[in-house]
Amino acid sequence: MNVTLILLISAAVISMAIIPLMMRAAPFLGMIDLPSGRKVHEEPVSRVGGIGIVIGALLPLIFWLPADDLLRSFLLGSAVLLAFGAADDARELGHYVKFIGQGIAVLLVVFYGDLWVSRFPFFEDPLPASIGKPFTVIAMIGVINAINHSDGLDGLASGEALLSLIAIVYLSSLGTGDPYASAIAMVTIGGLFGFLRFNTHPARVFMGDSGSQFLGFTLGFLAILLTQRVNTAISPAIVLLLIGLPIVDIIAVLFLRIRGGMNWFRATRNHVHHRLLDLGFAHYETVVIIYSIQALLVTAGILLRYQADWLLVGLYLGFAASIFALLTVAERRGWKTGQGTIAAPFTAALASVRDSLWLRKVPQVLVWFAVPVFLVGGPLAVADVPRDFAIISGVLALVMTVELVFGKSDDSIILRGIVYITVVFLTYLIAAYPVESSQAFNRLEVVLYALLALAVGLTIRYSREITFRTTPTDYLLVFIVVAIGIVPGDALAGNQVAAGLIKAVIVIYACEVVLLSGFRRWNPMSIACLVSLGWLAAAGLL
């Protein structure tokens, strides 16, 4: 099995397993975020999600990768930030104490890991260590705080970081083949996927400083590693576009605080997300707008990676200036948006028949039927099952059997996670190890997946039996899937695997529809999943 896939799945599973446990312990640890004037949540929320993200990311690195001084510096720095961040989430440390933790983590990377900025935009000659190392310390601490301060809405900082990390994975694949950049990015992505499961609005958990500082530290570390070692052909100015909106947001906030004579470090409501909320945008709309801006910046970085430094810096500054100019003009003119939504043409066309039994029932029945068929029939389309896949499938089958027999909750996160992992396994194996098939069959397969996607969409929109709220995370996931499908190069093992990931997302949403339909633990989908795992285990081991 591809090691990066193992890292991604391991991190996601560990994160999803740890976060519910930490949520139960949060009241005893004092890690509860209470509502206040500048915050947008109205109920107390535990802020322990960052612990799940960090542990989910670090454990796979420790177990799967050989360590050198660079990796050790990252692991030690992350552990320091986790300790300081968790203490702040529990006891509200002052800003200067947090700076101490950030400084220790960054100094470990710069002086123990020997990672620092020598290639700098507009300079042909490398920077000397006497300049490059202090600059790296200041820049990384700046990125840590930029991500930390962008964590103001449900899923906001994690979604922005996720887009940046995916771009770093792709750009790293075009470089020297350094194993650490892609591996660290992938485990962080996995940890974020586990966290986002609990952080969609209204969030059940916040990442807290332990998570947001880790994300900023990781992004700063990876951006430097990418431009200074892994892919030196790209412009070092690309870092601005890859990290994106959080950089200019924190600079603008500091400028406004200084101009207003306020404490530099005192929290205020002048971040981009606060200003959008004050203009009347709903929470969901604000997050989607910021995701879209971040996606544009990251995409520009990928497409213009080999362009001149002045072009990348000019594009970033021009884009940022346009955003803040629009915000300022809207604020000064007292512009307010409405809270309503405009129905899409397709939705409007179906409005007249939305109460029909056919529209409410048939798509849902199709989804209920299609998911077990996919799980049972999927292994038939796999020509070969690698041994490591078979071993993991066997372990998952055993865990699932124990949970089905002895578990108590019908909405078990363990069962849900195993179903999702099985879907990813199947779609990956079908794409990477397909049995020979005719072109006509391949076309039929595309049609069937398209019909399943349509049935899922209709069920979500019109079924009365289930309540499926679309969230900014769904928007983010759709964007990522589309990007994976069109991204050039072999970063994701070719178009077949990219197509497999798209199919996996369709089936996962179908599984979510089934799970929301009120099935008991022993249901056609769980039985089919158990059969599928057993089949994969037997095929790879016997």
Protein backbone atom coordinates (compact mmCIF):
# COMPACT_ATOMS: atom_id res chain seq x y z
CA MET A 1 0.00 0.00 0.00
CA ASN A 2 1.20 3.54 -0.70
CA VAL A 3 2.72 4.85 2.56
CA THR A 4 1.08 8.25 2.15
CA LEU A 5 -2.33 6.58 2.00
CA ILE A 6 -1.54 4.66 5.19
CA LEU A 7 -0.48 7.90 6.86
CA LEU A 8 -3.64 9.71 5.77
CA ILE A 9 -6.01 6.96 6.92
CA SER A 10 -4.14 6.33 10.18
CA ALA A 11 -4.19 10.02 11.10
CA ALA A 12 -7.90 10.37 10.31
CA VAL A 13 -8.86 7.28 12.32
CA ILE A 14 -6.72 8.27 15.33
CA SER A 15 -8.11 11.81 15.27
CA MET A 16 -11.72 10.59 15.06
CA ALA A 17 -11.11 8.15 17.94
CA ILE A 18 -9.39 10.62 20.28
CA ILE A 19 -11.65 13.66 19.86
CA PRO A 20 -14.86 12.07 21.31
CA LEU A 21 -12.87 10.88 24.33
CA MET A 22 -11.39 14.33 24.87
CA MET A 23 -14.82 15.95 24.51
CA ARG A 24 -16.00 13.92 27.50
CA ALA A 25 -12.93 14.90 29.52
CA ALA A 26 -13.04 18.60 28.54
CA PRO A 27 -15.23 19.79 31.47
CA PHE A 28 -12.90 18.14 34.00
CA LEU A 29 -9.85 19.65 32.29
CA GLY A 30 -11.38 23.12 32.12
CA MET A 31 -11.07 23.13 28.31
CA ILE A 32 -14.42 24.75 27.58
CA ASP A 33 -14.86 27.82 25.36
CA LEU A 34 -17.54 30.05 26.85
CA PRO A 35 -19.51 32.57 24.73
CA SER A 36 -18.34 36.18 24.85
CA GLY A 37 -18.81 39.47 23.04
CA ARG A 38 -16.40 38.85 20.14
CA LYS A 39 -17.22 35.15 19.70
CA VAL A 40 -19.99 33.87 17.46
CA HIS A 41 -21.04 30.72 19.33
CA GLU A 42 -23.88 30.94 21.85
CA GLU A 43 -23.31 27.75 23.86
CA PRO A 44 -20.22 26.45 25.70
CA VAL A 45 -18.08 24.27 23.40
CA SER A 46 -15.13 22.06 24.33
CA ARG A 47 -11.84 23.11 22.75
CA VAL A 48 -10.00 19.81 22.62
CA GLY A 49 -10.11 19.11 18.88
CA GLY A 50 -6.52 20.24 18.45
CA ILE A 51 -5.34 17.39 20.68
CA GLY A 52 -6.93 14.92 18.28
CA ILE A 53 -5.41 16.67 15.25
CA VAL A 54 -1.90 16.76 16.72
CA ILE A 55 -1.84 13.21 18.11
CA GLY A 56 -3.49 11.90 14.94
CA ALA A 57 -0.75 13.53 12.88
CA LEU A 58 2.28 12.75 15.02
CA LEU A 59 1.71 9.07 15.87
CA PRO A 60 1.76 7.84 12.22
CA LEU A 61 4.96 9.84 11.61
CA ILE A 62 6.62 8.27 14.65
CA PHE A 63 5.63 4.72 13.66
CA TRP A 64 6.04 4.86 9.88
CA LEU A 65 8.94 7.20 9.06
CA PRO A 66 12.64 6.93 9.91
CA ALA A 67 13.62 9.98 11.95
CA ASP A 68 16.47 12.40 11.30
CA ASP A 69 17.22 15.74 12.95
CA LEU A 70 14.69 17.57 10.75
CA LEU A 71 11.79 15.24 11.56
CA ARG A 72 12.77 15.18 15.24
CA SER A 73 12.75 18.98 15.31
CA PHE A 74 9.24 19.00 13.84
CA LEU A 75 7.97 16.37 16.29
CA LEU A 76 9.53 18.09 19.29
CA GLY A 77 8.30 21.51 18.18
CA SER A 78 4.78 20.15 17.69
CA ALA A 79 4.87 18.56 21.15
CA VAL A 80 5.93 21.87 22.70
CA LEU A 81 3.10 23.73 20.97
CA LEU A 82 0.63 21.01 22.01
CA ALA A 83 1.67 21.41 25.65
CA PHE A 84 1.53 25.21 25.62
CA GLY A 85 -1.66 25.25 23.53
CA ALA A 86 -3.49 22.77 25.76
CA ALA A 87 -2.44 24.75 28.83
CA ASP A 88 -3.78 27.93 27.23
CA ASP A 89 -7.05 26.21 26.31
CA ALA A 90 -7.43 25.14 29.95
CA ARG A 91 -6.03 28.13 31.82
CA GLU A 92 -5.90 31.09 29.37
CA LEU A 93 -2.17 31.80 29.32
CA GLY A 94 -1.06 35.31 28.47
CA HIS A 95 0.23 36.25 25.01
CA TYR A 96 3.85 36.45 26.15
CA VAL A 97 3.76 32.94 27.58
CA LYS A 98 2.38 31.66 24.27
CA PHE A 99 5.20 33.46 22.44
CA ILE A 100 7.68 31.55 24.60
CA GLY A 101 6.19 28.22 23.48
CA GLN A 102 6.14 29.34 19.85
CA GLY A 103 9.73 30.53 20.09
CA ILE A 104 10.94 27.22 21.53
CA ALA A 105 9.18 25.23 18.78
CA VAL A 106 10.55 27.41 15.97
CA LEU A 107 14.09 27.56 17.38
CA LEU A 108 14.13 23.74 17.43
CA VAL A 109 13.37 23.68 13.71
CA VAL A 110 15.84 26.42 12.77
CA PHE A 111 18.84 25.39 14.88
CA TYR A 112 18.34 21.67 15.56
CA GLY A 113 16.58 20.78 12.30
CA ASP A 114 18.72 23.30 10.36
CA LEU A 115 15.74 24.45 8.30
CA TRP A 116 15.77 28.15 7.47
CA VAL A 117 15.18 30.57 4.61
CA SER A 118 18.16 31.16 2.34
CA ARG A 119 16.31 31.61 -0.98
CA PHE A 120 14.42 34.89 -0.74
CA PRO A 121 12.26 36.67 -3.34
CA PHE A 122 14.10 39.24 -5.50
CA PHE A 123 17.54 38.12 -4.22
CA GLU A 124 19.75 36.13 -6.58
CA ASP A 125 22.32 35.20 -3.94
CA PRO A 126 21.39 33.12 -0.88
CA LEU A 127 20.85 34.90 2.41
CA PRO A 128 23.60 34.37 5.01
CA ALA A 129 22.66 32.40 8.11
CA SER A 130 23.00 35.54 10.25
CA ILE A 131 20.01 37.02 8.38
CA GLY A 132 18.14 33.95 7.18
CA LYS A 133 17.79 32.23 10.56
CA PRO A 134 16.40 35.24 12.51
CA PHE A 135 14.06 35.97 9.61
CA THR A 136 12.82 32.35 9.64
CA VAL A 137 12.11 32.52 13.39
CA ILE A 138 10.09 35.73 12.98
CA ALA A 139 8.27 34.49 9.87
CA MET A 140 7.26 31.12 11.37
CA ILE A 141 6.00 32.75 14.56
CA GLY A 142 4.04 35.13 12.34
CA VAL A 143 2.42 32.25 10.43
CA ILE A 144 1.57 30.45 13.69
CA ASN A 145 -0.27 33.53 14.93
CA ALA A 146 -1.89 34.19 11.56
CA ILE A 147 -3.55 30.75 11.57
CA ASN A 148 -4.30 31.03 15.29
CA HIS A 149 -6.17 34.31 14.78
CA SER A 150 -8.05 33.03 11.72
CA ASP A 151 -9.69 30.34 13.89
CA GLY A 152 -12.84 32.36 14.54
CA LEU A 153 -15.63 30.39 12.86
CA ASP A 154 -16.53 26.71 12.71
CA GLY A 155 -14.28 24.96 10.19
CA LEU A 156 -12.59 28.18 9.05
CA ALA A 157 -8.93 27.76 10.00
CA SER A 158 -9.02 24.02 9.34
CA GLY A 159 -10.53 24.50 5.87
CA GLU A 160 -8.02 27.20 4.91
CA ALA A 161 -5.15 25.02 6.13
CA LEU A 162 -6.54 21.99 4.30
CA LEU A 163 -6.46 23.81 0.95
CA SER A 164 -2.88 24.94 1.56
CA LEU A 165 -1.76 21.44 2.58
CA ILE A 166 -3.21 19.81 -0.53
CA ALA A 167 -1.32 22.31 -2.69
CA ILE A 168 1.89 21.53 -0.79
CA VAL A 169 1.40 17.78 -1.36
CA TYR A 170 1.07 18.38 -5.09
CA LEU A 171 4.02 20.78 -5.39
CA SER A 172 6.19 18.46 -3.27
CA SER A 173 5.53 15.63 -5.72
CA LEU A 174 7.11 17.73 -8.47
CA GLY A 175 10.34 18.21 -6.53
CA THR A 176 13.18 16.04 -5.28
CA GLY A 177 11.01 13.31 -3.80
CA ASP A 178 11.80 14.30 -0.21
CA PRO A 179 9.62 11.99 1.93
CA TYR A 180 8.94 14.39 4.79
CA ALA A 181 7.03 17.20 3.07
CA SER A 182 4.32 14.98 1.61
CA ALA A 183 4.19 12.74 4.69
CA ILE A 184 3.77 15.60 7.16
CA ALA A 185 1.19 17.27 4.93
CA MET A 186 -0.78 14.03 4.54
CA VAL A 187 -0.94 13.20 8.26
CA THR A 188 -2.07 16.76 8.98
CA ILE A 189 -4.76 16.43 6.31
CA GLY A 190 -5.87 13.17 7.92
CA GLY A 191 -6.00 14.77 11.36
CA LEU A 192 -8.08 17.62 9.95
CA PHE A 193 -10.54 15.25 8.27
CA GLY A 194 -11.08 13.54 11.62
CA PHE A 195 -11.57 16.93 13.30
CA LEU A 196 -13.95 18.36 10.67
CA ARG A 197 -16.30 15.49 11.39
CA PHE A 198 -17.07 17.24 14.72
CA ASN A 199 -16.48 20.87 13.71
CA THR A 200 -19.14 21.56 11.09
CA HIS A 201 -21.47 24.39 12.10
CA PRO A 202 -22.80 24.32 14.76
CA ALA A 203 -19.55 22.85 16.05
CA ARG A 204 -19.47 20.22 18.78
CA VAL A 205 -15.76 20.89 19.38
CA PHE A 206 -13.20 23.63 18.69
CA MET A 207 -9.56 22.96 17.88
CA GLY A 208 -8.34 25.55 20.40
CA ASP A 209 -4.83 26.96 20.50
CA SER A 210 -3.36 23.45 20.61
CA GLY A 211 -4.73 22.84 17.12
CA SER A 212 -4.46 26.27 15.47
CA GLN A 213 -0.86 26.81 16.60
CA PHE A 214 0.08 23.35 15.34
CA LEU A 215 -1.50 24.11 11.95
CA GLY A 216 0.37 27.41 11.66
CA PHE A 217 3.63 25.76 12.72
CA THR A 218 3.12 22.94 10.21
CA LEU A 219 2.26 25.27 7.33
CA GLY A 220 5.29 27.47 8.05
CA PHE A 221 7.54 24.42 8.33
CA LEU A 222 6.25 22.87 5.10
CA ALA A 223 6.33 26.13 3.13
CA ILE A 224 10.00 26.61 4.00
CA LEU A 225 10.85 22.95 3.40
CA LEU A 226 9.08 23.06 0.02
CA THR A 227 10.75 26.22 -1.32
CA GLN A 228 14.20 25.79 0.25
CA ARG A 229 14.84 22.06 -0.25
CA VAL A 230 12.13 20.00 -1.93
CA ASN A 231 11.30 22.04 -5.05
CA THR A 232 13.78 24.87 -5.53
CA ALA A 233 12.62 25.43 -9.10
CA ILE A 234 9.51 27.24 -7.86
CA SER A 235 9.54 30.86 -6.75
CA PRO A 236 10.01 31.38 -3.00
CA ALA A 237 7.31 34.06 -3.26
CA ILE A 238 4.77 31.27 -3.77
CA VAL A 239 4.60 31.00 0.04
CA LEU A 240 2.36 34.09 0.11
CA LEU A 241 -0.20 32.44 -2.17
CA LEU A 242 -0.02 29.02 -0.52
CA ILE A 243 -0.66 30.29 3.00
CA GLY A 244 -3.00 32.85 1.50
CA LEU A 245 -5.56 34.97 3.29
CA PRO A 246 -4.44 34.47 6.94
CA ILE A 247 -1.18 36.37 6.30
CA VAL A 248 -2.72 39.57 4.99
CA ASP A 249 -5.61 39.26 7.46
CA ILE A 250 -3.32 39.35 10.52
CA ILE A 251 -1.27 42.20 9.02
CA ALA A 252 -4.44 44.21 8.37
CA VAL A 253 -5.73 43.52 11.89
CA LEU A 254 -2.45 44.67 13.47
CA PHE A 255 -2.53 47.82 11.32
CA LEU A 256 -6.08 48.63 12.44
CA ARG A 257 -5.19 48.03 16.09
CA ILE A 258 -2.09 50.22 15.92
CA ARG A 259 -3.94 52.99 14.07
CA GLY A 260 -6.71 52.86 16.67
CA GLY A 261 -4.23 53.01 19.55
CA MET A 262 -5.28 49.59 20.83
CA ASN A 263 -3.23 46.83 22.42
CA TRP A 264 -1.57 44.85 19.61
CA PHE A 265 -2.49 41.56 21.19
CA ARG A 266 -5.96 42.33 22.48
CA ALA A 267 -8.65 40.38 20.63
CA THR A 268 -10.98 42.51 18.49
CA ARG A 269 -13.70 42.05 15.89
CA ASN A 270 -11.81 43.33 12.86
CA HIS A 271 -10.75 40.09 11.18
CA VAL A 272 -12.13 39.41 7.71
CA HIS A 273 -14.65 36.90 9.03
CA HIS A 274 -15.93 39.37 11.65
CA ARG A 275 -16.32 42.08 9.02
CA LEU A 276 -18.25 39.77 6.70
CA LEU A 277 -20.57 38.78 9.55
CA ASP A 278 -21.12 42.46 10.38
CA LEU A 279 -22.12 43.07 6.74
CA GLY A 280 -24.97 40.61 7.24
CA PHE A 281 -23.54 37.41 5.79
CA ALA A 282 -24.59 34.26 7.64
CA HIS A 283 -22.02 32.02 9.32
CA TYR A 284 -22.24 29.48 6.49
CA GLU A 285 -21.93 32.15 3.79
CA THR A 286 -18.94 33.79 5.49
CA VAL A 287 -17.01 30.54 5.69
CA VAL A 288 -17.77 29.67 2.06
CA ILE A 289 -16.65 33.14 0.90
CA ILE A 290 -13.34 32.80 2.74
CA TYR A 291 -12.87 29.24 1.45
CA SER A 292 -13.41 30.58 -2.07
CA ILE A 293 -10.84 33.37 -1.62
CA GLN A 294 -8.32 30.91 -0.18
CA ALA A 295 -8.99 28.44 -3.00
CA LEU A 296 -8.33 31.16 -5.62
CA LEU A 297 -5.05 32.16 -3.98
CA VAL A 298 -3.85 28.55 -3.60
CA THR A 299 -4.85 27.70 -7.18
CA ALA A 300 -2.98 30.76 -8.46
CA GLY A 301 0.09 29.59 -6.55
CA ILE A 302 -0.04 26.17 -8.21
CA LEU A 303 -0.59 27.53 -11.72
CA LEU A 304 2.01 30.31 -11.45
CA ARG A 305 4.61 28.38 -9.46
CA TYR A 306 7.42 29.02 -11.96
CA GLN A 307 6.66 32.68 -12.62
CA ALA A 308 8.79 35.64 -11.56
CA ASP A 309 8.83 36.78 -7.95
CA TRP A 310 7.46 40.22 -8.80
CA LEU A 311 4.43 38.70 -10.53
CA LEU A 312 3.51 36.48 -7.56
CA VAL A 313 4.05 39.22 -4.97
CA GLY A 314 2.18 41.76 -7.11
CA LEU A 315 -0.72 39.37 -7.67
CA TYR A 316 -0.99 38.61 -3.96
CA LEU A 317 -0.84 42.24 -2.88
CA GLY A 318 -3.30 43.29 -5.61
CA PHE A 319 -5.75 40.55 -4.68
CA ALA A 320 -5.48 41.38 -0.98
CA ALA A 321 -5.89 45.10 -1.60
CA SER A 322 -9.02 44.43 -3.67
CA ILE A 323 -10.60 42.35 -0.89
CA PHE A 324 -10.01 44.96 1.81
CA ALA A 325 -11.04 47.80 -0.48
CA LEU A 326 -14.37 46.09 -1.15
CA LEU A 327 -14.89 45.47 2.56
CA THR A 328 -14.09 49.08 3.44
CA VAL A 329 -16.38 50.53 0.76
CA ALA A 330 -19.23 48.23 1.84
CA GLU A 331 -18.78 49.20 5.50
CA ARG A 332 -18.65 52.93 4.83
CA ARG A 333 -21.77 52.82 2.69
CA GLY A 334 -23.64 50.78 5.28
CA TRP A 335 -24.29 47.95 2.84
CA LYS A 336 -26.04 44.89 4.27
CA THR A 337 -26.79 41.58 2.65
CA GLY A 338 -29.98 39.63 3.14
CA GLN A 339 -30.04 36.28 4.88
CA GLY A 340 -32.08 34.49 2.24
CA THR A 341 -30.83 32.27 -0.52
CA ILE A 342 -31.60 32.20 -4.23
CA ALA A 343 -32.89 28.89 -5.50
CA ALA A 344 -30.85 27.31 -8.23
CA PRO A 345 -32.63 26.85 -11.58
CA PHE A 346 -32.68 23.07 -11.14
CA THR A 347 -34.24 23.38 -7.69
CA ALA A 348 -36.79 25.88 -8.93
CA ALA A 349 -37.79 23.58 -11.78
CA LEU A 350 -38.42 20.75 -9.35
CA ALA A 351 -40.33 22.87 -6.84
CA SER A 352 -43.69 22.05 -8.40
CA VAL A 353 -43.19 18.32 -7.93
CA ARG A 354 -41.23 18.31 -4.69
CA ASP A 355 -44.08 16.74 -2.72
CA SER A 356 -44.50 13.82 -5.08
CA LEU A 357 -43.98 10.37 -3.62
CA TRP A 358 -41.68 9.47 -6.52
CA LEU A 359 -39.28 12.31 -5.85
CA ARG A 360 -39.21 11.69 -2.12
CA LYS A 361 -38.98 7.89 -2.08
CA VAL A 362 -37.43 6.47 -5.27
CA PRO A 363 -34.02 8.21 -5.00
CA GLN A 364 -33.75 7.19 -1.34
CA VAL A 365 -34.57 3.55 -2.11
CA LEU A 366 -31.98 3.63 -4.91
CA VAL A 367 -29.32 4.82 -2.45
CA TRP A 368 -30.29 2.17 0.11
CA PHE A 369 -29.93 -0.50 -2.58
CA ALA A 370 -26.78 0.83 -4.27
CA VAL A 371 -24.53 1.08 -1.21
CA PRO A 372 -24.71 -2.62 -0.13
CA VAL A 373 -24.39 -3.69 -3.77
CA PHE A 374 -21.24 -1.58 -4.13
CA LEU A 375 -19.73 -2.98 -0.93
CA VAL A 376 -20.43 -6.62 -1.81
CA GLY A 377 -19.75 -6.38 -5.53
CA GLY A 378 -16.74 -4.05 -5.35
CA PRO A 379 -14.17 -6.78 -4.61
CA LEU A 380 -15.21 -8.55 -7.84
CA ALA A 381 -13.76 -5.61 -9.79
CA VAL A 382 -10.36 -5.88 -8.06
CA ALA A 383 -7.77 -8.02 -9.84
CA ASP A 384 -5.26 -8.15 -6.98
CA VAL A 385 -5.35 -7.24 -3.29
CA PRO A 386 -1.96 -6.27 -1.81
CA ARG A 387 -1.05 -8.09 1.38
CA ASP A 388 -0.96 -4.95 3.55
CA PHE A 389 -4.47 -4.04 2.39
CA ALA A 390 -5.60 -7.57 3.23
CA ILE A 391 -4.12 -7.45 6.75
CA ILE A 392 -5.73 -4.09 7.54
CA SER A 393 -9.04 -5.32 6.09
CA GLY A 394 -8.90 -8.37 8.34
CA VAL A 395 -8.24 -6.24 11.42
CA LEU A 396 -11.08 -3.89 10.51
CA ALA A 397 -13.43 -6.85 9.98
CA LEU A 398 -12.56 -8.14 13.46
CA VAL A 399 -13.08 -4.70 15.06
CA MET A 400 -16.37 -4.27 13.23
CA THR A 401 -17.62 -7.69 14.36
CA VAL A 402 -16.81 -6.88 18.00
CA GLU A 403 -18.53 -3.50 17.73
CA LEU A 404 -21.63 -4.99 16.07
CA VAL A 405 -21.95 -7.72 18.71
CA PHE A 406 -21.04 -5.82 21.86
CA GLY A 407 -21.59 -2.17 21.00
CA LYS A 408 -24.60 -0.27 22.28
CA SER A 409 -24.98 2.82 20.10
CA ASP A 410 -26.75 2.63 16.74
CA ASP A 411 -24.84 5.75 15.69
CA SER A 412 -21.40 4.29 16.42
CA ILE A 413 -18.50 6.41 15.26
CA ILE A 414 -16.44 3.20 14.99
CA LEU A 415 -18.89 1.60 12.56
CA ARG A 416 -19.18 4.83 10.60
CA GLY A 417 -15.41 5.17 10.34
CA ILE A 418 -14.94 1.55 9.22
CA VAL A 419 -17.60 1.93 6.54
CA TYR A 420 -15.88 5.04 5.18
CA ILE A 421 -12.45 3.38 5.23
CA THR A 422 -13.87 0.37 3.39
CA VAL A 423 -15.30 2.63 0.69
CA VAL A 424 -11.91 4.33 0.26
CA PHE A 425 -10.16 0.95 0.14
CA LEU A 426 -12.52 -0.40 -2.50
CA THR A 427 -12.44 2.64 -4.78
CA TYR A 428 -8.65 2.81 -4.54
CA LEU A 429 -8.21 -0.91 -5.31
CA ILE A 430 -10.69 -0.80 -8.18
CA ALA A 431 -8.77 2.15 -9.67
CA ALA A 432 -5.25 0.85 -9.00
CA TYR A 433 -5.81 -2.91 -9.60
CA PRO A 434 -8.80 -3.15 -11.96
CA VAL A 435 -9.94 -6.32 -13.70
CA GLU A 436 -10.04 -6.09 -17.47
CA SER A 437 -13.28 -4.58 -18.74
CA SER A 438 -14.71 -3.34 -22.00
CA GLN A 439 -15.04 0.33 -22.89
CA ALA A 440 -18.82 -0.07 -22.89
CA PHE A 441 -18.74 -1.32 -19.30
CA ASN A 442 -16.56 1.62 -18.26
CA ARG A 443 -19.08 4.03 -19.77
CA LEU A 444 -21.93 2.24 -17.99
CA GLU A 445 -20.00 2.56 -14.72
CA VAL A 446 -19.72 6.33 -15.18
CA VAL A 447 -23.46 6.54 -15.83
CA LEU A 448 -24.24 4.49 -12.70
CA TYR A 449 -22.07 6.72 -10.49
CA ALA A 450 -23.70 9.79 -12.01
CA LEU A 451 -27.14 8.34 -11.24
CA LEU A 452 -26.07 7.56 -7.68
CA ALA A 453 -24.80 11.11 -7.23
CA LEU A 454 -28.13 12.44 -8.55
CA ALA A 455 -30.07 10.12 -6.24
CA VAL A 456 -28.01 11.28 -3.25
CA GLY A 457 -28.62 14.91 -4.17
CA LEU A 458 -32.37 14.41 -4.58
CA THR A 459 -32.59 12.50 -1.30
CA ILE A 460 -30.71 15.19 0.58
CA ARG A 461 -32.92 17.88 -0.91
CA TYR A 462 -36.39 16.30 -0.81
CA SER A 463 -36.54 13.38 1.62
CA ARG A 464 -38.66 13.93 4.73
CA GLU A 465 -37.26 10.92 6.57
CA ILE A 466 -33.72 12.27 6.95
CA THR A 467 -32.20 15.62 7.86
CA PHE A 468 -28.97 16.22 6.00
CA ARG A 469 -27.58 19.73 6.45
CA THR A 470 -25.11 20.79 3.80
CA THR A 471 -22.20 22.64 5.42
CA PRO A 472 -19.12 24.58 4.32
CA THR A 473 -17.20 21.34 4.74
CA ASP A 474 -19.31 19.82 1.95
CA TYR A 475 -18.40 22.77 -0.26
CA LEU A 476 -14.74 22.31 0.65
CA LEU A 477 -14.88 18.59 -0.11
CA VAL A 478 -16.51 19.18 -3.50
CA PHE A 479 -13.81 21.72 -4.39
CA ILE A 480 -11.05 19.30 -3.38
CA VAL A 481 -12.58 16.49 -5.42
CA VAL A 482 -12.89 18.70 -8.51
CA ALA A 483 -9.29 19.89 -8.06
CA ILE A 484 -8.05 16.31 -7.74
CA GLY A 485 -9.86 15.40 -10.94
CA ILE A 486 -8.27 18.18 -13.02
CA VAL A 487 -4.84 18.60 -11.44
CA PRO A 488 -2.04 17.84 -13.93
CA GLY A 489 0.84 15.47 -13.34
CA ASP A 490 1.18 12.20 -11.48
CA ALA A 491 0.97 13.50 -7.93
CA LEU A 492 -2.02 11.33 -7.21
CA ALA A 493 -0.90 8.26 -9.16
CA GLY A 494 -2.70 9.20 -12.34
CA ASN A 495 -6.19 9.94 -13.50
CA GLN A 496 -7.58 6.52 -12.56
CA VAL A 497 -6.85 7.01 -8.87
CA ALA A 498 -8.16 10.59 -9.04
CA ALA A 499 -11.37 9.24 -10.58
CA GLY A 500 -11.49 6.63 -7.82
CA LEU A 501 -11.35 9.37 -5.19
CA ILE A 502 -14.24 11.16 -6.85
CA LYS A 503 -16.25 7.94 -6.81
CA ALA A 504 -15.32 7.40 -3.15
CA VAL A 505 -16.77 10.77 -2.21
CA ILE A 506 -20.04 9.94 -4.02
CA VAL A 507 -20.34 6.60 -2.20
CA ILE A 508 -19.41 8.14 1.18
CA TYR A 509 -22.23 10.67 0.82
CA ALA A 510 -24.52 7.77 -0.10
CA CYS A 511 -23.38 5.96 3.07
CA GLU A 512 -24.16 9.08 5.09
CA VAL A 513 -27.69 9.11 3.66
CA VAL A 514 -28.14 5.46 4.67
CA LEU A 515 -26.82 6.13 8.17
CA LEU A 516 -29.20 9.06 8.60
CA SER A 517 -32.16 6.90 7.58
CA GLY A 518 -32.45 5.36 11.05
CA PHE A 519 -31.07 1.89 10.35
CA ARG A 520 -30.14 -0.33 13.27
CA ARG A 521 -26.62 -1.60 13.84
CA TRP A 522 -27.27 -4.83 11.95
CA ASN A 523 -28.43 -3.50 8.59
CA PRO A 524 -27.74 -4.34 4.94
CA MET A 525 -24.94 -1.78 4.74
CA SER A 526 -23.06 -2.94 7.85
CA ILE A 527 -23.41 -6.60 6.83
CA ALA A 528 -22.24 -5.80 3.30
CA CYS A 529 -19.27 -3.87 4.71
CA LEU A 530 -18.31 -6.85 6.87
CA VAL A 531 -18.55 -9.18 3.86
CA SER A 532 -16.44 -6.81 1.77
CA LEU A 533 -13.68 -6.60 4.37
CA GLY A 534 -13.66 -10.35 4.82
CA TRP A 535 -13.47 -10.82 1.05
CA LEU A 536 -10.53 -8.41 0.72
CA ALA A 537 -8.70 -10.07 3.60
CA ALA A 538 -9.17 -13.54 2.15
CA ALA A 539 -8.22 -12.47 -1.38
CA GLY A 540 -4.95 -10.94 -0.24
CA LEU A 541 -3.90 -13.57 2.30
CA LEU A 542 -5.02 -16.87 0.77
